[in-house]
Amino acid sequence: MKKFVRMALATVVALVAGLALTSCTDDTSQDKENAAKQDNYDHLVALQPAGRMEYSPTREAINQWVKTWGQRGKLSYVYIQNAKGEYGYFIMKGLPVPRCKMLTPTERVESYSEGGVAVLPQPGMDGTYTTGSTCNAYYGFDATTGAYMEFTVGTNQSFFLFDKPMTLPEYSSAKQLGPTSVKDAAKQP
């Protein structure tokens, strides 16, 4: 019983101290605007609560993506369309990876005792820093030779990714751009 009384007393003291400290600080203009924004959000949620779905097609699509690409050795068929509307293709092991993806965090957050926060860049696995501006460049490895391949998409160039070769006319007449052909990929175990 004494232990319970001590814990209850400690909780009350902590609450009183927290309330006392809170009441000592003046709200800044930013605090007031944030409170107004939160109050408005609370009002809108009360009037228009989020609906409830019986089924999520988004979750189903994500689960299907995981099932499709979560297989070791899965091939991806990358079709590139240039500004003239011409198609080419290459076949890779796994998915093309944007060059801005990293295995380790690219930033570190430092907090200071004065209340300041700084976001500091971190070097990548190659010991260099990146700005993350290479998200339109992709890389991967050829399906049969393992050769490194990289491509960029952007102005007047698009890419289409499939987990099987495409038979539509624009894809079936695509030029082979990498070492592996559709016929070579079909021979893969």
Protein backbone atom coordinates (compact mmCIF):
# COMPACT_ATOMS: atom_id res chain seq x y z
CA MET A 1 0.00 0.00 0.00
CA LYS A 2 2.87 2.37 0.86
CA LYS A 3 4.37 1.74 -2.59
CA PHE A 4 1.08 2.68 -4.26
CA VAL A 5 0.78 5.89 -2.17
CA ARG A 6 4.37 6.87 -3.07
CA MET A 7 3.74 6.26 -6.78
CA ALA A 8 0.49 8.23 -6.69
CA LEU A 9 2.19 11.10 -4.83
CA ALA A 10 5.08 11.11 -7.34
CA THR A 11 2.59 11.23 -10.24
CA VAL A 12 0.71 14.14 -8.69
CA VAL A 13 3.95 16.05 -8.06
CA ALA A 14 5.07 15.47 -11.66
CA LEU A 15 1.73 16.69 -13.00
CA VAL A 16 1.75 19.81 -10.83
CA ALA A 17 5.35 20.58 -11.83
CA GLY A 18 4.52 20.08 -15.51
CA LEU A 19 1.49 22.35 -15.31
CA ALA A 20 3.47 24.99 -13.42
CA LEU A 21 6.22 24.97 -16.05
CA THR A 22 3.68 25.14 -18.86
CA SER A 23 1.89 28.10 -17.37
CA CYS A 24 5.18 30.01 -17.03
CA THR A 25 5.85 30.14 -20.75
CA ASP A 26 4.25 32.72 -23.00
CA ASP A 27 2.75 31.43 -26.20
CA THR A 28 4.51 32.71 -29.27
CA SER A 29 2.63 33.83 -32.36
CA GLN A 30 3.67 30.58 -33.99
CA ASP A 31 2.25 28.60 -31.03
CA LYS A 32 -1.03 30.50 -31.34
CA GLU A 33 -1.25 29.87 -35.09
CA ASN A 34 -0.45 26.18 -34.61
CA ALA A 35 -3.17 25.97 -31.94
CA ALA A 36 -5.65 27.66 -34.32
CA LYS A 37 -4.71 25.22 -37.08
CA GLN A 38 -5.16 22.25 -34.71
CA ASP A 39 -8.49 23.66 -33.44
CA ASN A 40 -9.72 24.01 -37.04
CA TYR A 41 -8.58 20.48 -37.86
CA ASP A 42 -10.38 19.11 -34.77
CA HIS A 43 -13.53 21.00 -35.84
CA LEU A 44 -13.40 19.58 -39.39
CA VAL A 45 -12.76 16.03 -38.16
CA ALA A 46 -15.78 16.31 -35.85
CA LEU A 47 -17.95 17.47 -38.78
CA GLN A 48 -16.43 15.15 -41.38
CA PRO A 49 -14.81 12.13 -39.74
CA ALA A 50 -12.72 9.86 -41.94
CA GLY A 51 -14.76 7.12 -43.52
CA ARG A 52 -14.20 3.47 -42.86
CA MET A 53 -13.51 1.10 -45.71
CA GLU A 54 -14.54 -2.53 -45.73
CA TYR A 55 -11.73 -3.37 -48.16
CA SER A 56 -8.55 -1.56 -49.19
CA PRO A 57 -7.56 -1.88 -52.85
CA THR A 58 -4.39 0.06 -52.03
CA ARG A 59 -3.28 -2.50 -49.43
CA GLU A 60 -4.16 -5.30 -51.86
CA ALA A 61 -2.01 -3.67 -54.58
CA ILE A 62 0.91 -3.24 -52.16
CA ASN A 63 0.62 -6.86 -51.05
CA GLN A 64 0.57 -7.99 -54.68
CA TRP A 65 3.68 -5.84 -55.35
CA VAL A 66 5.42 -7.52 -52.39
CA LYS A 67 4.40 -10.96 -53.64
CA THR A 68 5.59 -10.17 -57.18
CA TRP A 69 8.91 -8.52 -56.38
CA GLY A 70 9.76 -10.34 -53.15
CA GLN A 71 11.11 -13.32 -55.08
CA ARG A 72 14.86 -13.80 -55.39
CA GLY A 73 15.94 -13.81 -59.04
CA LYS A 74 12.76 -12.17 -60.34
CA LEU A 75 13.40 -10.50 -63.71
CA SER A 76 12.19 -7.06 -64.66
CA TYR A 77 11.53 -6.06 -68.25
CA VAL A 78 12.31 -2.38 -68.72
CA TYR A 79 10.98 -0.74 -71.87
CA ILE A 80 12.29 2.72 -72.71
CA GLN A 81 10.41 5.10 -75.00
CA ASN A 82 12.34 7.99 -76.53
CA ALA A 83 11.04 11.33 -77.82
CA LYS A 84 10.37 9.84 -81.27
CA GLY A 85 8.09 7.19 -79.73
CA GLU A 86 10.58 4.40 -80.40
CA TYR A 87 10.93 1.61 -77.85
CA GLY A 88 13.93 -0.30 -76.63
CA TYR A 89 14.23 -2.76 -73.78
CA PHE A 90 16.58 -4.46 -71.40
CA ILE A 91 16.08 -7.18 -68.83
CA MET A 92 17.41 -6.92 -65.30
CA LYS A 93 17.70 -9.09 -62.21
CA GLY A 94 15.27 -7.56 -59.74
CA LEU A 95 13.93 -4.03 -59.89
CA PRO A 96 15.75 -0.97 -61.23
CA VAL A 97 16.98 1.05 -58.25
CA PRO A 98 16.89 4.86 -58.17
CA ARG A 99 20.41 6.18 -57.56
CA CYS A 100 19.10 8.33 -54.70
CA LYS A 101 18.20 5.21 -52.65
CA MET A 102 20.69 4.51 -49.86
CA LEU A 103 21.25 1.64 -47.41
CA THR A 104 22.04 4.01 -44.57
CA PRO A 105 20.45 7.28 -43.42
CA THR A 106 21.56 10.32 -45.41
CA GLU A 107 20.94 12.73 -42.54
CA ARG A 108 21.46 12.88 -38.79
CA VAL A 109 19.40 15.10 -36.49
CA GLU A 110 21.30 16.77 -33.65
CA SER A 111 19.46 18.37 -30.75
CA TYR A 112 21.09 21.00 -28.61
CA SER A 113 20.47 21.79 -24.94
CA GLU A 114 19.35 25.30 -25.90
CA GLY A 115 16.50 23.73 -27.86
CA GLY A 116 18.05 24.04 -31.31
CA VAL A 117 18.00 21.28 -33.86
CA ALA A 118 20.33 20.75 -36.78
CA VAL A 119 19.98 18.32 -39.67
CA LEU A 120 23.44 17.21 -40.76
CA PRO A 121 24.26 15.33 -43.96
CA GLN A 122 25.83 11.89 -43.65
CA PRO A 123 28.17 10.22 -46.13
CA GLY A 124 26.91 7.25 -48.14
CA MET A 125 28.43 3.77 -48.22
CA ASP A 126 30.99 5.01 -50.76
CA GLY A 127 32.23 7.69 -48.34
CA THR A 128 30.77 10.58 -50.34
CA TYR A 129 27.80 12.85 -49.82
CA THR A 130 24.80 13.01 -52.10
CA THR A 131 22.14 15.65 -52.57
CA GLY A 132 19.47 13.15 -53.54
CA SER A 133 19.17 14.82 -56.92
CA THR A 134 19.85 11.61 -58.84
CA CYS A 135 16.37 10.12 -58.41
CA ASN A 136 15.78 10.12 -62.17
CA ALA A 137 18.80 7.85 -62.72
CA TYR A 138 18.27 4.11 -62.20
CA TYR A 139 20.66 1.18 -62.10
CA GLY A 140 20.60 -2.58 -61.95
CA PHE A 141 22.25 -5.67 -63.36
CA ASP A 142 21.67 -7.55 -66.59
CA ALA A 143 19.63 -10.74 -66.24
CA THR A 144 22.15 -13.15 -67.78
CA THR A 145 25.56 -11.46 -67.72
CA GLY A 146 25.27 -9.52 -64.46
CA ALA A 147 26.62 -6.43 -66.27
CA TYR A 148 25.94 -3.14 -64.48
CA MET A 149 23.38 -1.02 -66.31
CA GLU A 150 22.24 2.52 -65.65
CA PHE A 151 19.63 4.66 -67.34
CA THR A 152 18.11 8.08 -66.85
CA VAL A 153 14.53 9.12 -67.47
CA GLY A 154 13.16 12.58 -67.83
CA THR A 155 12.70 15.00 -70.65
CA ASN A 156 11.23 13.19 -73.65
CA GLN A 157 12.05 9.75 -72.28
CA SER A 158 9.91 7.38 -70.22
CA PHE A 159 10.32 3.86 -68.97
CA PHE A 160 7.76 1.14 -68.42
CA LEU A 161 8.45 -1.71 -66.03
CA PHE A 162 6.90 -5.17 -66.26
CA ASP A 163 7.54 -8.51 -64.62
CA LYS A 164 6.98 -10.33 -67.94
CA PRO A 165 7.85 -9.54 -71.56
CA MET A 166 5.12 -7.54 -73.31
CA THR A 167 3.50 -8.63 -76.57
CA LEU A 168 1.73 -5.42 -77.60
CA PRO A 169 3.06 -4.18 -80.96
CA GLU A 170 5.01 -1.22 -79.56
CA TYR A 171 6.79 -3.51 -77.09
CA SER A 172 7.24 -6.56 -79.30
CA SER A 173 9.13 -4.47 -81.87
CA ALA A 174 11.34 -2.82 -79.21
CA LYS A 175 15.10 -2.92 -79.84
CA GLN A 176 17.24 -4.94 -77.46
CA LEU A 177 19.37 -2.41 -75.52
CA GLY A 178 21.20 -4.73 -73.12
CA PRO A 179 23.05 -8.04 -73.34
CA THR A 180 19.98 -10.18 -72.57
CA SER A 181 17.21 -10.76 -75.11
CA VAL A 182 13.67 -11.89 -74.34
CA LYS A 183 14.63 -15.32 -75.76
CA ASP A 184 17.68 -15.46 -73.45
CA ALA A 185 15.52 -14.58 -70.44
CA ALA A 186 13.04 -17.32 -71.32
CA LYS A 187 15.88 -19.86 -70.91
CA GLN A 188 16.54 -18.68 -67.32
CA PRO A 189 15.54 -21.16 -64.60
